[in-house]
Amino acid sequence: MKTLLVLAHEDAGQEARMQVAIDLARRLDAHLTCLDVVVLPPAYVDDSVGSTLSAAIVESEVEVEAANRAKVEARLVHEDVSWDWQERTGDFVGSLCSAAQFADLVIVNRQLEDPATPMRSVAGGVITGAGKPILAVPQDVRKFEDRCAIVAWDGSMTATSALRNAIPLLKLMERVFLVEVETDRADGWAEDAARYLSRHDIHARVERVPPLPSGIARTLIAEAGRHGAGLIVAGGYGHSRLREAVFGGVTRELLSHSPYPLLLSH
């Protein structure tokens, strides 16, 4: 991973995104691209009142983001990382997916606690739209922890993709656990995945655990807590987002509740 894309925007999750992005850029000797998005308001009725209100909202957003850029750039000049700044106007998901063309990892937040924030659904949209792995960071994280990672393994294509994409981060970890939750979908190939990682000099331990009554996502979060993990690696949206929204799903639950950063790949 030599190019990291991080969302730069004045909101509750920016400090967590930026600190983790800077830590990783330093550890991976990677270039950091900060994407500042000026969010356009929803469409208004084409009348004088609506046009005036829309223009005022955009003007305010531009002023806020200009001040945010000055603040973040003043910080970055003192960090020993390579970086550049890009600006786009539009929505978060579309802007990030477009800018991710030459990025190896996209750093955003998992769902923020405020249900009204437009950041709430960004991670899910970028997972399925960017074609790149994402690192979804809880808003209270202040550094990238490299003690331990757990990899959620079920043998699926999305789990395999996440495993491959996570290799640069897993190489930073002191310990790695391949966790297979014992369900009727578990395939028993976790040892093959561990052998694959060993060829990258990552020596993972395979663990099979029964699911908690609260579900697979909560089981993975509990295992991460038990091992003191700083990262959960998992496939993102193995089923369609509509099906996960209706019936519930591991990705949605992790994005809603994980206190640990999530490396997700679709």
Protein backbone atom coordinates (compact mmCIF):
# COMPACT_ATOMS: atom_id res chain seq x y z
CA MET A 1 0.00 0.00 0.00
CA LYS A 2 1.77 3.10 -1.24
CA THR A 3 -1.12 5.54 -1.75
CA LEU A 4 -3.65 6.15 1.02
CA LEU A 5 -6.80 8.21 0.43
CA VAL A 6 -8.35 9.83 3.49
CA LEU A 7 -11.52 11.88 3.66
CA ALA A 8 -10.78 15.38 4.96
CA HIS A 9 -13.92 17.10 6.21
CA GLU A 10 -14.89 19.06 9.31
CA ASP A 11 -16.92 16.51 11.28
CA ALA A 12 -16.78 14.42 14.44
CA GLY A 13 -14.76 11.64 12.85
CA GLN A 14 -12.01 13.61 11.14
CA GLU A 15 -9.47 13.44 13.97
CA ALA A 16 -9.70 9.64 14.08
CA ARG A 17 -9.43 9.29 10.29
CA MET A 18 -6.52 11.68 10.03
CA GLN A 19 -4.49 10.27 12.92
CA VAL A 20 -4.82 6.69 11.70
CA ALA A 21 -4.02 7.78 8.14
CA ILE A 22 -0.86 9.60 9.26
CA ASP A 23 0.24 6.64 11.40
CA LEU A 24 -0.22 4.24 8.49
CA ALA A 25 1.47 6.50 5.95
CA ARG A 26 4.48 6.65 8.24
CA ARG A 27 4.54 2.91 8.95
CA LEU A 28 4.03 1.90 5.31
CA ASP A 29 6.21 4.66 3.83
CA ALA A 30 3.13 5.60 1.80
CA HIS A 31 1.83 8.80 0.22
CA LEU A 32 -1.25 10.35 1.82
CA THR A 33 -3.90 12.04 -0.32
CA CYS A 34 -6.38 14.15 1.62
CA LEU A 35 -9.67 14.54 -0.22
CA ASP A 36 -11.70 17.55 0.92
CA VAL A 37 -15.33 17.33 -0.19
CA VAL A 38 -17.65 20.34 -0.23
CA VAL A 39 -21.04 18.69 0.11
CA LEU A 40 -23.81 20.11 -2.03
CA PRO A 41 -27.25 20.49 -0.42
CA PRO A 42 -30.24 18.45 -1.56
CA ALA A 43 -32.02 19.82 -4.63
CA TYR A 44 -34.38 22.65 -3.92
CA VAL A 45 -37.46 23.83 -5.78
CA ASP A 46 -36.30 26.15 -8.54
CA ASP A 47 -37.55 29.41 -7.14
CA SER A 48 -35.90 32.50 -5.74
CA VAL A 49 -36.21 31.44 -2.11
CA GLY A 50 -34.89 27.94 -2.78
CA SER A 51 -32.00 29.21 -4.91
CA THR A 52 -31.00 31.78 -2.30
CA LEU A 53 -31.09 29.22 0.50
CA SER A 54 -29.09 26.71 -1.55
CA ALA A 55 -26.44 29.31 -2.39
CA ALA A 56 -26.14 30.31 1.27
CA ILE A 57 -25.65 26.70 2.35
CA VAL A 58 -22.95 26.13 -0.26
CA GLU A 59 -21.19 29.36 0.69
CA SER A 60 -21.18 28.37 4.36
CA GLU A 61 -19.86 24.89 3.52
CA VAL A 62 -17.06 26.38 1.41
CA GLU A 63 -16.03 28.69 4.26
CA VAL A 64 -16.02 25.85 6.81
CA GLU A 65 -13.94 23.59 4.58
CA ALA A 66 -11.48 26.37 3.72
CA ALA A 67 -10.84 26.85 7.43
CA ASN A 68 -10.57 23.10 7.89
CA ARG A 69 -7.99 22.84 5.09
CA ALA A 70 -5.85 25.54 6.69
CA LYS A 71 -6.00 23.72 10.02
CA VAL A 72 -5.16 20.27 8.63
CA GLU A 73 -2.40 21.51 6.32
CA ALA A 74 -0.75 23.36 9.21
CA ARG A 75 -0.63 20.03 11.00
CA LEU A 76 0.59 17.98 8.04
CA VAL A 77 3.63 20.17 7.39
CA HIS A 78 4.99 18.98 10.73
CA GLU A 79 4.40 15.28 10.04
CA ASP A 80 7.13 13.24 8.35
CA VAL A 81 4.86 11.90 5.60
CA SER A 82 4.40 12.64 1.91
CA TRP A 83 0.98 14.18 1.24
CA ASP A 84 -1.13 16.21 -1.15
CA TRP A 85 -4.54 17.88 -1.00
CA GLN A 86 -7.41 17.44 -3.43
CA GLU A 87 -10.79 19.15 -3.45
CA ARG A 88 -14.10 18.03 -4.93
CA THR A 89 -17.68 19.22 -4.81
CA GLY A 90 -20.57 16.80 -4.61
CA ASP A 91 -21.39 13.93 -2.25
CA PHE A 92 -19.00 11.95 -0.10
CA VAL A 93 -19.46 8.53 -1.69
CA GLY A 94 -19.27 9.64 -5.31
CA SER A 95 -16.27 11.88 -4.65
CA LEU A 96 -14.36 9.18 -2.76
CA CYS A 97 -15.12 6.48 -5.33
CA SER A 98 -13.91 8.74 -8.12
CA ALA A 99 -10.74 9.77 -6.30
CA ALA A 100 -9.95 6.16 -5.30
CA GLN A 101 -8.85 5.17 -8.81
CA PHE A 102 -5.16 5.36 -7.91
CA ALA A 103 -5.45 4.66 -4.18
CA ASP A 104 -4.56 1.39 -2.47
CA LEU A 105 -6.67 2.02 0.63
CA VAL A 106 -9.52 4.41 1.42
CA ILE A 107 -9.77 5.64 5.02
CA VAL A 108 -13.18 6.74 6.28
CA ASN A 109 -15.19 6.33 9.46
CA ARG A 110 -17.50 3.54 10.36
CA GLN A 111 -20.99 4.82 11.10
CA LEU A 112 -20.81 7.84 13.38
CA GLU A 113 -23.02 8.03 16.41
CA ASP A 114 -25.05 11.03 15.23
CA PRO A 115 -27.92 9.62 13.12
CA ALA A 116 -28.30 12.95 11.32
CA THR A 117 -24.73 13.16 9.98
CA PRO A 118 -24.29 12.63 6.22
CA MET A 119 -21.21 10.58 7.12
CA ARG A 120 -23.43 7.80 8.45
CA SER A 121 -23.68 5.74 5.26
CA VAL A 122 -20.37 6.65 3.63
CA ALA A 123 -18.45 3.48 4.51
CA GLY A 124 -21.07 1.16 3.05
CA GLY A 125 -21.26 3.13 -0.18
CA VAL A 126 -17.51 3.25 -0.67
CA ILE A 127 -17.09 -0.49 0.03
CA THR A 128 -19.33 -1.41 -2.87
CA GLY A 129 -18.57 1.51 -5.17
CA ALA A 130 -14.83 2.17 -5.05
CA GLY A 131 -13.52 -1.29 -5.85
CA LYS A 132 -10.82 -0.77 -3.21
CA PRO A 133 -10.39 -1.94 0.38
CA ILE A 134 -11.48 0.54 3.01
CA LEU A 135 -10.37 1.15 6.56
CA ALA A 136 -13.43 2.19 8.59
CA VAL A 137 -12.33 3.90 11.80
CA PRO A 138 -14.42 4.51 14.95
CA GLN A 139 -14.51 8.19 15.81
CA ASP A 140 -12.78 7.81 19.19
CA VAL A 141 -9.65 6.05 17.86
CA ARG A 142 -6.48 8.13 18.05
CA LYS A 143 -3.77 5.84 16.64
CA PHE A 144 -3.25 2.69 14.62
CA GLU A 145 -2.72 -0.19 17.06
CA ASP A 146 -0.35 -2.87 15.76
CA ARG A 147 -0.49 -5.40 18.60
CA CYS A 148 -2.95 -7.83 17.09
CA ALA A 149 -5.44 -8.35 14.24
CA ILE A 150 -8.22 -10.84 13.77
CA VAL A 151 -9.28 -11.97 10.32
CA ALA A 152 -12.89 -13.10 9.96
CA TRP A 153 -12.78 -16.23 7.83
CA ASP A 154 -15.64 -18.09 6.19
CA GLY A 155 -14.03 -19.11 2.90
CA SER A 156 -16.08 -16.66 0.83
CA MET A 157 -14.75 -14.61 -2.06
CA THR A 158 -15.18 -11.41 -0.04
CA ALA A 159 -13.25 -12.89 2.91
CA THR A 160 -10.47 -14.01 0.57
CA SER A 161 -10.34 -10.55 -1.02
CA ALA A 162 -10.13 -8.89 2.39
CA LEU A 163 -7.38 -11.30 3.46
CA ARG A 164 -5.26 -10.50 0.40
CA ASN A 165 -5.83 -6.76 0.64
CA ALA A 166 -4.97 -6.71 4.34
CA ILE A 167 -1.51 -8.28 3.94
CA PRO A 168 0.44 -4.98 4.23
CA LEU A 169 -1.37 -4.18 7.48
CA LEU A 170 -1.12 -7.72 8.82
CA LYS A 171 2.65 -7.56 8.31
CA LEU A 172 2.71 -4.75 10.88
CA MET A 173 0.98 -6.85 13.54
CA GLU A 174 2.64 -8.72 16.38
CA ARG A 175 -0.10 -11.39 16.33
CA VAL A 176 -2.72 -12.45 13.78
CA PHE A 177 -5.69 -14.76 14.39
CA LEU A 178 -7.81 -16.35 11.68
CA VAL A 179 -11.20 -16.62 13.35
CA GLU A 180 -13.77 -19.00 11.90
CA VAL A 181 -17.17 -18.74 13.54
CA GLU A 182 -18.70 -22.22 13.61
CA THR A 183 -21.83 -21.99 11.46
CA ASP A 184 -23.30 -24.08 8.68
CA ARG A 185 -21.39 -21.85 6.24
CA ALA A 186 -17.96 -22.47 7.75
CA ASP A 187 -15.83 -24.33 5.19
CA GLY A 188 -12.89 -25.60 7.26
CA TRP A 189 -10.32 -24.07 4.89
CA ALA A 190 -8.88 -21.68 7.42
CA GLU A 191 -5.64 -23.68 7.54
CA ASP A 192 -5.21 -23.09 3.80
CA ALA A 193 -5.62 -19.37 4.39
CA ALA A 194 -3.06 -19.53 7.20
CA ARG A 195 -0.58 -21.29 4.91
CA TYR A 196 -1.14 -18.56 2.31
CA LEU A 197 -0.34 -15.91 4.90
CA SER A 198 2.76 -17.79 6.04
CA ARG A 199 4.23 -17.36 2.57
CA HIS A 200 4.04 -13.63 3.23
CA ASP A 201 5.84 -14.15 6.54
CA ILE A 202 2.59 -13.69 8.50
CA HIS A 203 2.15 -16.53 10.96
CA ALA A 204 -1.52 -16.62 11.83
CA ARG A 205 -3.16 -18.85 14.39
CA VAL A 206 -6.46 -20.50 13.43
CA GLU A 207 -9.27 -20.34 15.96
CA ARG A 208 -12.77 -21.77 15.63
CA VAL A 209 -15.35 -20.32 17.97
CA PRO A 210 -19.08 -20.91 18.47
CA PRO A 211 -21.34 -17.99 17.58
CA LEU A 212 -22.78 -15.89 20.35
CA PRO A 213 -26.58 -15.64 20.52
CA SER A 214 -26.20 -12.00 19.46
CA GLY A 215 -24.75 -13.03 16.10
CA ILE A 216 -21.54 -13.40 14.10
CA ALA A 217 -20.57 -9.71 14.16
CA ARG A 218 -20.83 -9.56 17.94
CA THR A 219 -18.81 -12.78 18.13
CA LEU A 220 -16.02 -11.24 16.07
CA ILE A 221 -16.06 -8.07 18.19
CA ALA A 222 -15.86 -10.18 21.34
CA GLU A 223 -12.91 -12.16 19.96
CA ALA A 224 -11.15 -8.94 19.03
CA GLY A 225 -11.62 -7.70 22.57
CA ARG A 226 -10.40 -10.98 24.06
CA HIS A 227 -7.16 -10.80 22.05
CA GLY A 228 -6.63 -7.07 22.49
CA ALA A 229 -6.88 -6.57 18.73
CA GLY A 230 -6.48 -3.22 17.02
CA LEU A 231 -7.94 -4.34 13.71
CA ILE A 232 -10.70 -6.59 12.37
CA VAL A 233 -10.35 -7.79 8.77
CA ALA A 234 -13.54 -8.96 7.09
CA GLY A 235 -15.25 -9.28 3.75
CA GLY A 236 -17.68 -6.45 3.06
CA TYR A 237 -21.26 -7.14 1.97
CA GLY A 238 -21.04 -10.77 0.93
CA HIS A 239 -24.77 -10.41 0.27
CA SER A 240 -26.40 -7.43 -1.41
CA ARG A 241 -26.72 -4.29 0.70
CA LEU A 242 -30.51 -4.46 0.28
CA ARG A 243 -30.63 -7.99 1.69
CA GLU A 244 -28.36 -6.99 4.58
CA ALA A 245 -30.53 -3.94 5.30
CA VAL A 246 -33.69 -6.05 5.37
CA PHE A 247 -32.45 -9.20 7.09
CA GLY A 248 -29.43 -7.91 8.95
CA GLY A 249 -25.85 -8.76 8.13
CA VAL A 250 -22.33 -9.02 9.50
CA THR A 251 -21.00 -5.99 7.61
CA ARG A 252 -23.84 -3.75 8.73
CA GLU A 253 -23.46 -4.86 12.35
CA LEU A 254 -19.68 -4.33 12.32
CA LEU A 255 -20.05 -0.85 10.83
CA SER A 256 -22.64 -0.01 13.46
CA HIS A 257 -20.96 -1.40 16.56
CA SER A 258 -17.26 -2.26 16.18
CA PRO A 259 -15.03 -0.33 18.60
CA TYR A 260 -12.06 -1.45 16.46
CA PRO A 261 -10.97 -0.25 13.01
CA LEU A 262 -12.30 -2.44 10.19
CA LEU A 263 -10.45 -3.44 7.04
CA LEU A 264 -13.29 -4.31 4.67
CA SER A 265 -13.15 -5.47 1.06
CA HIS A 266 -15.99 -6.30 -1.32
